[in-house]
Amino acid sequence: MKKSELKASIKEEIIEILESVTDKDVETQKAYNAELEKTKELTSEADDDEPTSSQLKGDSISKLGTKLQQTSKEMKQVVKKWKDAEGAEKVKLTDRLRELTKIKKEIESLLQ
């Protein structure tokens, strides 16, 4: 088989495969791609959250100290808001304080 015949054969095969795709297949793939984009966005949002202890282990002591100060400062701000809050907002702030406490303890353990 010559090179030109092989190219023609491959081209015909590709055309047959592409022609066999239905509109339903195309719509299904579009929906799948849309879901993948949503997942990608949610994943990137989750990565923007507070650092984990494994991420902090590589940091220097001065960086850890700075992060500890920032966390403490944020805790003080949240407590001030918590004192004035009522209902659902107070629950939300309480949860945030718990998260910040956990982060603060992780940072303190890394500093020791």
PDB file of N, CA and C in Angstrom:
ATOM      1  N   MET A   1       0.845  -1.166   0.000  1.00  0.00           N
ATOM      2  CA  MET A   1       0.000   0.000   0.000  1.00  0.00           C
ATOM      3  C   MET A   1       0.894   1.233   0.000  1.00  0.00           C
ATOM      4  N   LYS A   2       0.590   2.139  -0.918  1.00  0.00           N
ATOM      5  CA  LYS A   2       1.357   3.368  -1.028  1.00  0.00           C
ATOM      6  C   LYS A   2       0.948   4.357   0.067  1.00  0.00           C
ATOM      7  N   LYS A   3       1.816   5.306   0.268  1.00  0.00           N
ATOM      8  CA  LYS A   3       1.580   6.311   1.300  1.00  0.00           C
ATOM      9  C   LYS A   3       0.309   7.104   0.998  1.00  0.00           C
ATOM     10  N   SER A   4       0.101   7.478  -0.235  1.00  0.00           N
ATOM     11  CA  SER A   4      -1.087   8.247  -0.611  1.00  0.00           C
ATOM     12  C   SER A   4      -2.360   7.424  -0.409  1.00  0.00           C
ATOM     13  N   GLU A   5      -2.287   6.109  -0.708  1.00  0.00           N
ATOM     14  CA  GLU A   5      -3.444   5.240  -0.490  1.00  0.00           C
ATOM     15  C   GLU A   5      -3.754   5.107   0.998  1.00  0.00           C
ATOM     16  N   LEU A   6      -2.717   5.012   1.806  1.00  0.00           N
ATOM     17  CA  LEU A   6      -2.889   4.918   3.249  1.00  0.00           C
ATOM     18  C   LEU A   6      -3.549   6.187   3.797  1.00  0.00           C
ATOM     19  N   LYS A   7      -3.071   7.357   3.336  1.00  0.00           N
ATOM     20  CA  LYS A   7      -3.660   8.619   3.759  1.00  0.00           C
ATOM     21  C   LYS A   7      -5.131   8.686   3.384  1.00  0.00           C
ATOM     22  N   ALA A   8      -5.452   8.273   2.170  1.00  0.00           N
ATOM     23  CA  ALA A   8      -6.839   8.298   1.713  1.00  0.00           C
ATOM     24  C   ALA A   8      -7.702   7.348   2.544  1.00  0.00           C
ATOM     25  N   SER A   9      -7.149   6.192   2.879  1.00  0.00           N
ATOM     26  CA  SER A   9      -7.868   5.211   3.675  1.00  0.00           C
ATOM     27  C   SER A   9      -8.153   5.747   5.080  1.00  0.00           C
ATOM     28  N   ILE A  10      -7.168   6.349   5.686  1.00  0.00           N
ATOM     29  CA  ILE A  10      -7.323   6.924   7.026  1.00  0.00           C
ATOM     30  C   ILE A  10      -8.330   8.072   6.990  1.00  0.00           C
ATOM     31  N   LYS A  11      -8.257   8.891   5.962  1.00  0.00           N
ATOM     32  CA  LYS A  11      -9.170  10.018   5.831  1.00  0.00           C
ATOM     33  C   LYS A  11     -10.617   9.530   5.722  1.00  0.00           C
ATOM     34  N   GLU A  12     -10.847   8.498   4.918  1.00  0.00           N
ATOM     35  CA  GLU A  12     -12.186   7.930   4.765  1.00  0.00           C
ATOM     36  C   GLU A  12     -12.690   7.363   6.091  1.00  0.00           C
ATOM     37  N   GLU A  13     -11.813   6.698   6.818  1.00  0.00           N
ATOM     38  CA  GLU A  13     -12.177   6.113   8.111  1.00  0.00           C
ATOM     39  C   GLU A  13     -12.594   7.196   9.109  1.00  0.00           C
ATOM     40  N   ILE A  14     -11.843   8.283   9.151  1.00  0.00           N
ATOM     41  CA  ILE A  14     -12.157   9.389  10.059  1.00  0.00           C
ATOM     42  C   ILE A  14     -13.492  10.019   9.686  1.00  0.00           C
ATOM     43  N   ILE A  15     -13.732  10.213   8.414  1.00  0.00           N
ATOM     44  CA  ILE A  15     -14.992  10.802   7.955  1.00  0.00           C
ATOM     45  C   ILE A  15     -16.169   9.911   8.346  1.00  0.00           C
ATOM     46  N   GLU A  16     -16.025   8.613   8.192  1.00  0.00           N
ATOM     47  CA  GLU A  16     -17.095   7.684   8.572  1.00  0.00           C
ATOM     48  C   GLU A  16     -17.397   7.765  10.067  1.00  0.00           C
ATOM     49  N   ILE A  17     -16.356   7.852  10.883  1.00  0.00           N
ATOM     50  CA  ILE A  17     -16.535   7.930  12.336  1.00  0.00           C
ATOM     51  C   ILE A  17     -17.239   9.236  12.714  1.00  0.00           C
ATOM     52  N   LEU A  18     -16.807  10.333  12.117  1.00  0.00           N
ATOM     53  CA  LEU A  18     -17.398  11.619  12.441  1.00  0.00           C
ATOM     54  C   LEU A  18     -18.849  11.725  11.965  1.00  0.00           C
ATOM     55  N   GLU A  19     -19.165  11.098  10.863  1.00  0.00           N
ATOM     56  CA  GLU A  19     -20.539  11.136  10.356  1.00  0.00           C
ATOM     57  C   GLU A  19     -21.469  10.286  11.208  1.00  0.00           C
ATOM     58  N   SER A  20     -20.941   9.325  11.918  1.00  0.00           N
ATOM     59  CA  SER A  20     -21.786   8.444  12.727  1.00  0.00           C
ATOM     60  C   SER A  20     -22.221   9.082  14.052  1.00  0.00           C
ATOM     61  N   VAL A  21     -21.646  10.230  14.405  1.00  0.00           N
ATOM     62  CA  VAL A  21     -22.002  10.928  15.635  1.00  0.00           C
ATOM     63  C   VAL A  21     -23.371  11.582  15.447  1.00  0.00           C
ATOM     64  N   THR A  22     -24.265  11.355  16.416  1.00  0.00           N
ATOM     65  CA  THR A  22     -25.608  11.916  16.328  1.00  0.00           C
ATOM     66  C   THR A  22     -25.698  13.234  17.077  1.00  0.00           C
ATOM     67  N   ASP A  23     -26.798  13.953  16.854  1.00  0.00           N
ATOM     68  CA  ASP A  23     -27.021  15.209  17.571  1.00  0.00           C
ATOM     69  C   ASP A  23     -27.136  14.960  19.074  1.00  0.00           C
ATOM     70  N   LYS A  24     -27.704  13.822  19.426  1.00  0.00           N
ATOM     71  CA  LYS A  24     -27.840  13.475  20.840  1.00  0.00           C
ATOM     72  C   LYS A  24     -26.464  13.327  21.484  1.00  0.00           C
ATOM     73  N   ASP A  25     -25.537  12.715  20.754  1.00  0.00           N
ATOM     74  CA  ASP A  25     -24.170  12.562  21.267  1.00  0.00           C
ATOM     75  C   ASP A  25     -23.512  13.924  21.493  1.00  0.00           C
ATOM     76  N   VAL A  26     -23.755  14.834  20.573  1.00  0.00           N
ATOM     77  CA  VAL A  26     -23.171  16.169  20.678  1.00  0.00           C
ATOM     78  C   VAL A  26     -23.752  16.900  21.881  1.00  0.00           C
ATOM     79  N   GLU A  27     -25.075  16.828  22.070  1.00  0.00           N
ATOM     80  CA  GLU A  27     -25.719  17.485  23.213  1.00  0.00           C
ATOM     81  C   GLU A  27     -25.238  16.888  24.539  1.00  0.00           C
ATOM     82  N   THR A  28     -25.100  15.586  24.569  1.00  0.00           N
ATOM     83  CA  THR A  28     -24.614  14.914  25.783  1.00  0.00           C
ATOM     84  C   THR A  28     -23.206  15.387  26.125  1.00  0.00           C
ATOM     85  N   GLN A  29     -22.365  15.498  25.114  1.00  0.00           N
ATOM     86  CA  GLN A  29     -20.989  15.949  25.340  1.00  0.00           C
ATOM     87  C   GLN A  29     -20.964  17.397  25.810  1.00  0.00           C
ATOM     88  N   LYS A  30     -21.842  18.245  25.262  1.00  0.00           N
ATOM     89  CA  LYS A  30     -21.900  19.645  25.703  1.00  0.00           C
ATOM     90  C   LYS A  30     -22.309  19.732  27.177  1.00  0.00           C
ATOM     91  N   ALA A  31     -23.301  18.935  27.559  1.00  0.00           N
ATOM     92  CA  ALA A  31     -23.746  18.923  28.953  1.00  0.00           C
ATOM     93  C   ALA A  31     -22.622  18.442  29.871  1.00  0.00           C
ATOM     94  N   TYR A  32     -21.914  17.421  29.431  1.00  0.00           N
ATOM     95  CA  TYR A  32     -20.791  16.885  30.209  1.00  0.00           C
ATOM     96  C   TYR A  32     -19.707  17.951  30.373  1.00  0.00           C
ATOM     97  N   ASN A  33     -19.400  18.671  29.298  1.00  0.00           N
ATOM     98  CA  ASN A  33     -18.386  19.717  29.363  1.00  0.00           C
ATOM     99  C   ASN A  33     -18.807  20.840  30.305  1.00  0.00           C
ATOM    100  N   ALA A  34     -20.100  21.184  30.302  1.00  0.00           N
ATOM    101  CA  ALA A  34     -20.605  22.214  31.206  1.00  0.00           C
ATOM    102  C   ALA A  34     -20.432  21.779  32.661  1.00  0.00           C
ATOM    103  N   GLU A  35     -20.723  20.528  32.960  1.00  0.00           N
ATOM    104  CA  GLU A  35     -20.545  20.011  34.320  1.00  0.00           C
ATOM    105  C   GLU A  35     -19.074  20.023  34.727  1.00  0.00           C
ATOM    106  N   LEU A  36     -18.200  19.706  33.791  1.00  0.00           N
ATOM    107  CA  LEU A  36     -16.768  19.742  34.093  1.00  0.00           C
ATOM    108  C   LEU A  36     -16.315  21.161  34.430  1.00  0.00           C
ATOM    109  N   GLU A  37     -16.841  22.156  33.721  1.00  0.00           N
ATOM    110  CA  GLU A  37     -16.493  23.541  34.000  1.00  0.00           C
ATOM    111  C   GLU A  37     -16.970  23.945  35.399  1.00  0.00           C
ATOM    112  N   LYS A  38     -18.193  23.526  35.770  1.00  0.00           N
ATOM    113  CA  LYS A  38     -18.703  23.831  37.109  1.00  0.00           C
ATOM    114  C   LYS A  38     -17.808  23.207  38.174  1.00  0.00           C
ATOM    115  N   THR A  39     -17.414  21.969  37.950  1.00  0.00           N
ATOM    116  CA  THR A  39     -16.544  21.268  38.897  1.00  0.00           C
ATOM    117  C   THR A  39     -15.206  21.983  39.019  1.00  0.00           C
ATOM    118  N   LYS A  40     -14.678  22.430  37.910  1.00  0.00           N
ATOM    119  CA  LYS A  40     -13.398  23.135  37.906  1.00  0.00           C
ATOM    120  C   LYS A  40     -13.498  24.429  38.718  1.00  0.00           C
ATOM    121  N   GLU A  41     -14.594  25.171  38.550  1.00  0.00           N
ATOM    122  CA  GLU A  41     -14.793  26.411  39.292  1.00  0.00           C
ATOM    123  C   GLU A  41     -14.909  26.140  40.786  1.00  0.00           C
ATOM    124  N   LEU A  42     -15.685  25.122  41.146  1.00  0.00           N
ATOM    125  CA  LEU A  42     -15.856  24.797  42.559  1.00  0.00           C
ATOM    126  C   LEU A  42     -14.547  24.345  43.189  1.00  0.00           C
ATOM    127  N   THR A  43     -13.772  23.602  42.436  1.00  0.00           N
ATOM    128  CA  THR A  43     -12.478  23.134  42.936  1.00  0.00           C
ATOM    129  C   THR A  43     -11.535  24.305  43.162  1.00  0.00           C
ATOM    130  N   SER A  44     -11.518  25.251  42.238  1.00  0.00           N
ATOM    131  CA  SER A  44     -10.626  26.396  42.398  1.00  0.00           C
ATOM    132  C   SER A  44     -11.066  27.269  43.567  1.00  0.00           C
ATOM    133  N   GLU A  45     -12.384  27.369  43.821  1.00  0.00           N
ATOM    134  CA  GLU A  45     -12.870  28.113  44.974  1.00  0.00           C
ATOM    135  C   GLU A  45     -12.443  27.444  46.272  1.00  0.00           C
ATOM    136  N   ALA A  46     -12.493  26.126  46.294  1.00  0.00           N
ATOM    137  CA  ALA A  46     -12.108  25.395  47.500  1.00  0.00           C
ATOM    138  C   ALA A  46     -10.622  25.552  47.786  1.00  0.00           C
ATOM    139  N   ASP A  47      -9.812  25.693  46.746  1.00  0.00           N
ATOM    140  CA  ASP A  47      -8.374  25.849  46.922  1.00  0.00           C
ATOM    141  C   ASP A  47      -8.009  27.208  47.504  1.00  0.00           C
ATOM    142  N   ASP A  48      -8.931  28.178  47.410  1.00  0.00           N
ATOM    143  CA  ASP A  48      -8.655  29.513  47.917  1.00  0.00           C
ATOM    144  C   ASP A  48      -8.876  29.630  49.420  1.00  0.00           C
ATOM    145  N   ASP A  49      -9.319  28.576  50.068  1.00  0.00           N
ATOM    146  CA  ASP A  49      -9.609  28.604  51.501  1.00  0.00           C
ATOM    147  C   ASP A  49      -8.321  28.709  52.310  1.00  0.00           C
ATOM    148  N   GLU A  50      -8.463  28.615  53.603  1.00  0.00           N
ATOM    149  CA  GLU A  50      -7.335  28.736  54.521  1.00  0.00           C
ATOM    150  C   GLU A  50      -6.307  27.629  54.272  1.00  0.00           C
ATOM    151  N   PRO A  51      -5.035  27.913  54.550  1.00  0.00           N
ATOM    152  CA  PRO A  51      -4.002  26.903  54.333  1.00  0.00           C
ATOM    153  C   PRO A  51      -4.117  25.747  55.324  1.00  0.00           C
ATOM    154  N   THR A  52      -3.757  24.572  54.854  1.00  0.00           N
ATOM    155  CA  THR A  52      -3.753  23.392  55.721  1.00  0.00           C
ATOM    156  C   THR A  52      -2.393  23.274  56.386  1.00  0.00           C
ATOM    157  N   SER A  53      -2.299  22.397  57.367  1.00  0.00           N
ATOM    158  CA  SER A  53      -1.029  22.252  58.075  1.00  0.00           C
ATOM    159  C   SER A  53       0.072  21.738  57.149  1.00  0.00           C
ATOM    160  N   SER A  54      -0.286  20.888  56.196  1.00  0.00           N
ATOM    161  CA  SER A  54       0.724  20.386  55.255  1.00  0.00           C
ATOM    162  C   SER A  54       1.258  21.514  54.382  1.00  0.00           C
ATOM    163  N   GLN A  55       0.411  22.502  54.062  1.00  0.00           N
ATOM    164  CA  GLN A  55       0.877  23.638  53.282  1.00  0.00           C
ATOM    165  C   GLN A  55       1.763  24.552  54.126  1.00  0.00           C
ATOM    166  N   LEU A  56       1.492  24.608  55.417  1.00  0.00           N
ATOM    167  CA  LEU A  56       2.248  25.491  56.288  1.00  0.00           C
ATOM    168  C   LEU A  56       3.603  24.931  56.692  1.00  0.00           C
ATOM    169  N   LYS A  57       3.779  23.624  56.624  1.00  0.00           N
ATOM    170  CA  LYS A  57       5.018  23.005  57.111  1.00  0.00           C
ATOM    171  C   LYS A  57       6.258  23.537  56.413  1.00  0.00           C
ATOM    172  N   GLY A  58       6.148  23.903  55.141  1.00  0.00           N
ATOM    173  CA  GLY A  58       7.304  24.379  54.403  1.00  0.00           C
ATOM    174  C   GLY A  58       7.619  25.839  54.655  1.00  0.00           C
ATOM    175  N   ASP A  59       6.775  26.561  55.370  1.00  0.00           N
ATOM    176  CA  ASP A  59       6.971  27.980  55.608  1.00  0.00           C
ATOM    177  C   ASP A  59       8.010  28.220  56.702  1.00  0.00           C
ATOM    178  N   SER A  60       8.625  29.384  56.619  1.00  0.00           N
ATOM    179  CA  SER A  60       9.607  29.743  57.645  1.00  0.00           C
ATOM    180  C   SER A  60       8.881  30.189  58.909  1.00  0.00           C
ATOM    181  N   ILE A  61       9.623  30.304  59.968  1.00  0.00           N
ATOM    182  CA  ILE A  61       9.053  30.690  61.261  1.00  0.00           C
ATOM    183  C   ILE A  61       8.454  32.090  61.189  1.00  0.00           C
ATOM    184  N   SER A  62       9.115  32.991  60.483  1.00  0.00           N
ATOM    185  CA  SER A  62       8.587  34.361  60.401  1.00  0.00           C
ATOM    186  C   SER A  62       7.265  34.393  59.634  1.00  0.00           C
ATOM    187  N   LYS A  63       7.148  33.592  58.592  1.00  0.00           N
ATOM    188  CA  LYS A  63       5.888  33.526  57.848  1.00  0.00           C
ATOM    189  C   LYS A  63       4.787  32.926  58.716  1.00  0.00           C
ATOM    190  N   LEU A  64       5.142  31.901  59.467  1.00  0.00           N
ATOM    191  CA  LEU A  64       4.158  31.284  60.357  1.00  0.00           C
ATOM    192  C   LEU A  64       3.714  32.275  61.432  1.00  0.00           C
ATOM    193  N   GLY A  65       4.664  33.036  61.947  1.00  0.00           N
ATOM    194  CA  GLY A  65       4.331  34.047  62.947  1.00  0.00           C
ATOM    195  C   GLY A  65       3.394  35.104  62.378  1.00  0.00           C
ATOM    196  N   THR A  66       3.658  35.519  61.158  1.00  0.00           N
ATOM    197  CA  THR A  66       2.799  36.497  60.498  1.00  0.00           C
ATOM    198  C   THR A  66       1.396  35.928  60.297  1.00  0.00           C
ATOM    199  N   LYS A  67       1.319  34.683  59.866  1.00  0.00           N
ATOM    200  CA  LYS A  67       0.010  34.049  59.666  1.00  0.00           C
ATOM    201  C   LYS A  67      -0.734  33.893  60.984  1.00  0.00           C
ATOM    202  N   LEU A  68       0.003  33.634  62.043  1.00  0.00           N
ATOM    203  CA  LEU A  68      -0.609  33.525  63.367  1.00  0.00           C
ATOM    204  C   LEU A  68      -1.185  34.878  63.800  1.00  0.00           C
ATOM    205  N   GLN A  69      -0.447  35.948  63.556  1.00  0.00           N
ATOM    206  CA  GLN A  69      -0.934  37.288  63.892  1.00  0.00           C
ATOM    207  C   GLN A  69      -2.180  37.638  63.074  1.00  0.00           C
ATOM    208  N   GLN A  70      -2.154  37.312  61.777  1.00  0.00           N
ATOM    209  CA  GLN A  70      -3.311  37.599  60.925  1.00  0.00           C
ATOM    210  C   GLN A  70      -4.539  36.822  61.392  1.00  0.00           C
ATOM    211  N   THR A  71      -4.328  35.567  61.750  1.00  0.00           N
ATOM    212  CA  THR A  71      -5.438  34.734  62.211  1.00  0.00           C
ATOM    213  C   THR A  71      -6.012  35.285  63.515  1.00  0.00           C
ATOM    214  N   SER A  72      -5.130  35.676  64.440  1.00  0.00           N
ATOM    215  CA  SER A  72      -5.584  36.251  65.713  1.00  0.00           C
ATOM    216  C   SER A  72      -6.355  37.547  65.489  1.00  0.00           C
ATOM    217  N   LYS A  73      -5.866  38.363  64.585  1.00  0.00           N
ATOM    218  CA  LYS A  73      -6.526  39.629  64.271  1.00  0.00           C
ATOM    219  C   LYS A  73      -7.918  39.372  63.687  1.00  0.00           C
ATOM    220  N   GLU A  74      -8.008  38.419  62.773  1.00  0.00           N
ATOM    221  CA  GLU A  74      -9.297  38.085  62.185  1.00  0.00           C
ATOM    222  C   GLU A  74     -10.256  37.529  63.245  1.00  0.00           C
ATOM    223  N   MET A  75      -9.719  36.733  64.172  1.00  0.00           N
ATOM    224  CA  MET A  75     -10.552  36.190  65.254  1.00  0.00           C
ATOM    225  C   MET A  75     -11.147  37.318  66.088  1.00  0.00           C
ATOM    226  N   LYS A  76     -10.344  38.328  66.408  1.00  0.00           N
ATOM    227  CA  LYS A  76     -10.824  39.461  67.202  1.00  0.00           C
ATOM    228  C   LYS A  76     -11.933  40.207  66.465  1.00  0.00           C
ATOM    229  N   GLN A  77     -11.775  40.367  65.142  1.00  0.00           N
ATOM    230  CA  GLN A  77     -12.790  41.052  64.349  1.00  0.00           C
ATOM    231  C   GLN A  77     -14.088  40.246  64.312  1.00  0.00           C
ATOM    232  N   VAL A  78     -13.964  38.941  64.168  1.00  0.00           N
ATOM    233  CA  VAL A  78     -15.143  38.085  64.110  1.00  0.00           C
ATOM    234  C   VAL A  78     -15.862  38.088  65.456  1.00  0.00           C
ATOM    235  N   VAL A  79     -15.106  38.115  66.568  1.00  0.00           N
ATOM    236  CA  VAL A  79     -15.721  38.144  67.903  1.00  0.00           C
ATOM    237  C   VAL A  79     -16.522  39.435  68.082  1.00  0.00           C
ATOM    238  N   LYS A  80     -15.977  40.566  67.608  1.00  0.00           N
ATOM    239  CA  LYS A  80     -16.710  41.828  67.713  1.00  0.00           C
ATOM    240  C   LYS A  80     -18.028  41.755  66.956  1.00  0.00           C
ATOM    241  N   LYS A  81     -17.991  41.193  65.750  1.00  0.00           N
ATOM    242  CA  LYS A  81     -19.216  41.038  64.956  1.00  0.00           C
ATOM    243  C   LYS A  81     -20.167  40.053  65.633  1.00  0.00           C
ATOM    244  N   TRP A  82     -19.599  39.010  66.233  1.00  0.00           N
ATOM    245  CA  TRP A  82     -20.406  37.962  66.871  1.00  0.00           C
ATOM    246  C   TRP A  82     -21.216  38.531  68.044  1.00  0.00           C
ATOM    247  N   LYS A  83     -20.613  39.458  68.786  1.00  0.00           N
ATOM    248  CA  LYS A  83     -21.293  40.046  69.937  1.00  0.00           C
ATOM    249  C   LYS A  83     -22.564  40.786  69.526  1.00  0.00           C
ATOM    250  N   ASP A  84     -22.551  41.422  68.367  1.00  0.00           N
ATOM    251  CA  ASP A  84     -23.708  42.192  67.900  1.00  0.00           C
ATOM    252  C   ASP A  84     -24.682  41.366  67.059  1.00  0.00           C
ATOM    253  N   ALA A  85     -24.253  40.205  66.616  1.00  0.00           N
ATOM    254  CA  ALA A  85     -25.062  39.402  65.702  1.00  0.00           C
ATOM    255  C   ALA A  85     -26.181  38.665  66.424  1.00  0.00           C
ATOM    256  N   GLU A  86     -27.175  38.276  65.630  1.00  0.00           N
ATOM    257  CA  GLU A  86     -28.294  37.494  66.159  1.00  0.00           C
ATOM    258  C   GLU A  86     -28.688  36.442  65.133  1.00  0.00           C
ATOM    259  N   GLY A  87     -29.248  35.345  65.608  1.00  0.00           N
ATOM    260  CA  GLY A  87     -29.826  34.323  64.740  1.00  0.00           C
ATOM    261  C   GLY A  87     -28.813  33.598  63.868  1.00  0.00           C
ATOM    262  N   ALA A  88     -29.151  33.495  62.578  1.00  0.00           N
ATOM    263  CA  ALA A  88     -28.342  32.727  61.632  1.00  0.00           C
ATOM    264  C   ALA A  88     -26.941  33.316  61.466  1.00  0.00           C
ATOM    265  N   GLU A  89     -26.857  34.632  61.530  1.00  0.00           N
ATOM    266  CA  GLU A  89     -25.549  35.274  61.382  1.00  0.00           C
ATOM    267  C   GLU A  89     -24.626  34.896  62.537  1.00  0.00           C
ATOM    268  N   LYS A  90     -25.185  34.798  63.732  1.00  0.00           N
ATOM    269  CA  LYS A  90     -24.391  34.427  64.901  1.00  0.00           C
ATOM    270  C   LYS A  90     -23.860  32.998  64.768  1.00  0.00           C
ATOM    271  N   VAL A  91     -24.696  32.096  64.226  1.00  0.00           N
ATOM    272  CA  VAL A  91     -24.272  30.710  64.002  1.00  0.00           C
ATOM    273  C   VAL A  91     -23.142  30.673  62.968  1.00  0.00           C
ATOM    274  N   LYS A  92     -23.300  31.462  61.923  1.00  0.00           N
ATOM    275  CA  LYS A  92     -22.268  31.523  60.873  1.00  0.00           C
ATOM    276  C   LYS A  92     -20.938  32.017  61.446  1.00  0.00           C
ATOM    277  N   LEU A  93     -21.003  33.055  62.250  1.00  0.00           N
ATOM    278  CA  LEU A  93     -19.786  33.600  62.858  1.00  0.00           C
ATOM    279  C   LEU A  93     -19.165  32.620  63.855  1.00  0.00           C
ATOM    280  N   THR A  94     -20.018  31.868  64.564  1.00  0.00           N
ATOM    281  CA  THR A  94     -19.518  30.855  65.498  1.00  0.00           C
ATOM    282  C   THR A  94     -18.743  29.779  64.747  1.00  0.00           C
ATOM    283  N   ASP A  95     -19.284  29.359  63.612  1.00  0.00           N
ATOM    284  CA  ASP A  95     -18.584  28.363  62.792  1.00  0.00           C
ATOM    285  C   ASP A  95     -17.249  28.901  62.296  1.00  0.00           C
ATOM    286  N   ARG A  96     -17.235  30.163  61.899  1.00  0.00           N
ATOM    287  CA  ARG A  96     -15.995  30.775  61.424  1.00  0.00           C
ATOM    288  C   ARG A  96     -14.956  30.843  62.557  1.00  0.00           C
ATOM    289  N   LEU A  97     -15.410  31.162  63.758  1.00  0.00           N
ATOM    290  CA  LEU A  97     -14.491  31.194  64.903  1.00  0.00           C
ATOM    291  C   LEU A  97     -13.903  29.815  65.176  1.00  0.00           C
ATOM    292  N   ARG A  98     -14.716  28.794  65.035  1.00  0.00           N
ATOM    293  CA  ARG A  98     -14.210  27.427  65.229  1.00  0.00           C
ATOM    294  C   ARG A  98     -13.136  27.100  64.195  1.00  0.00           C
ATOM    295  N   GLU A  99     -13.374  27.500  62.939  1.00  0.00           N
ATOM    296  CA  GLU A  99     -12.380  27.264  61.886  1.00  0.00           C
ATOM    297  C   GLU A  99     -11.086  28.005  62.197  1.00  0.00           C
ATOM    298  N   LEU A 100     -11.219  29.259  62.582  1.00  0.00           N
ATOM    299  CA  LEU A 100     -10.037  30.064  62.894  1.00  0.00           C
ATOM    300  C   LEU A 100      -9.272  29.511  64.089  1.00  0.00           C
ATOM    301  N   THR A 101      -9.988  29.003  65.082  1.00  0.00           N
ATOM    302  CA  THR A 101      -9.336  28.400  66.244  1.00  0.00           C
ATOM    303  C   THR A 101      -8.530  27.182  65.820  1.00  0.00           C
ATOM    304  N   LYS A 102      -9.119  26.377  64.954  1.00  0.00           N
ATOM    305  CA  LYS A 102      -8.416  25.189  64.463  1.00  0.00           C
ATOM    306  C   LYS A 102      -7.146  25.591  63.715  1.00  0.00           C
ATOM    307  N   ILE A 103      -7.253  26.598  62.870  1.00  0.00           N
ATOM    308  CA  ILE A 103      -6.090  27.077  62.105  1.00  0.00           C
ATOM    309  C   ILE A 103      -5.025  27.621  63.054  1.00  0.00           C
ATOM    310  N   LYS A 104      -5.455  28.396  64.042  1.00  0.00           N
ATOM    311  CA  LYS A 104      -4.514  28.976  65.001  1.00  0.00           C
ATOM    312  C   LYS A 104      -3.757  27.885  65.759  1.00  0.00           C
ATOM    313  N   LYS A 105      -4.469  26.847  66.175  1.00  0.00           N
ATOM    314  CA  LYS A 105      -3.816  25.745  66.893  1.00  0.00           C
ATOM    315  C   LYS A 105      -2.814  25.024  66.002  1.00  0.00           C
ATOM    316  N   GLU A 106      -3.162  24.848  64.723  1.00  0.00           N
ATOM    317  CA  GLU A 106      -2.228  24.188  63.793  1.00  0.00           C
ATOM    318  C   GLU A 106      -0.946  25.013  63.640  1.00  0.00           C
ATOM    319  N   ILE A 107      -1.127  26.319  63.479  1.00  0.00           N
ATOM    320  CA  ILE A 107       0.040  27.190  63.326  1.00  0.00           C
ATOM    321  C   ILE A 107       0.890  27.180  64.592  1.00  0.00           C
ATOM    322  N   GLU A 108       0.238  27.247  65.762  1.00  0.00           N
ATOM    323  CA  GLU A 108       0.982  27.217  67.030  1.00  0.00           C
ATOM    324  C   GLU A 108       1.751  25.911  67.193  1.00  0.00           C
ATOM    325  N   SER A 109       1.144  24.808  66.775  1.00  0.00           N
ATOM    326  CA  SER A 109       1.852  23.522  66.890  1.00  0.00           C
ATOM    327  C   SER A 109       3.052  23.466  65.960  1.00  0.00           C
ATOM    328  N   LEU A 110       2.962  24.124  64.813  1.00  0.00           N
ATOM    329  CA  LEU A 110       4.096  24.145  63.890  1.00  0.00           C
ATOM    330  C   LEU A 110       5.224  25.037  64.406  1.00  0.00           C
ATOM    331  N   LEU A 111       4.873  26.030  65.188  1.00  0.00           N
ATOM    332  CA  LEU A 111       5.897  26.935  65.726  1.00  0.00           C
ATOM    333  C   LEU A 111       6.666  26.320  66.891  1.00  0.00           C
ATOM    334  N   GLN A 112       6.111  25.296  67.532  1.00  0.00           N
ATOM    335  CA  GLN A 112       6.770  24.701  68.687  1.00  0.00           C
ATOM    336  C   GLN A 112       7.756  23.635  68.272  1.00  0.00           C
TER     337      GLN A 112
END
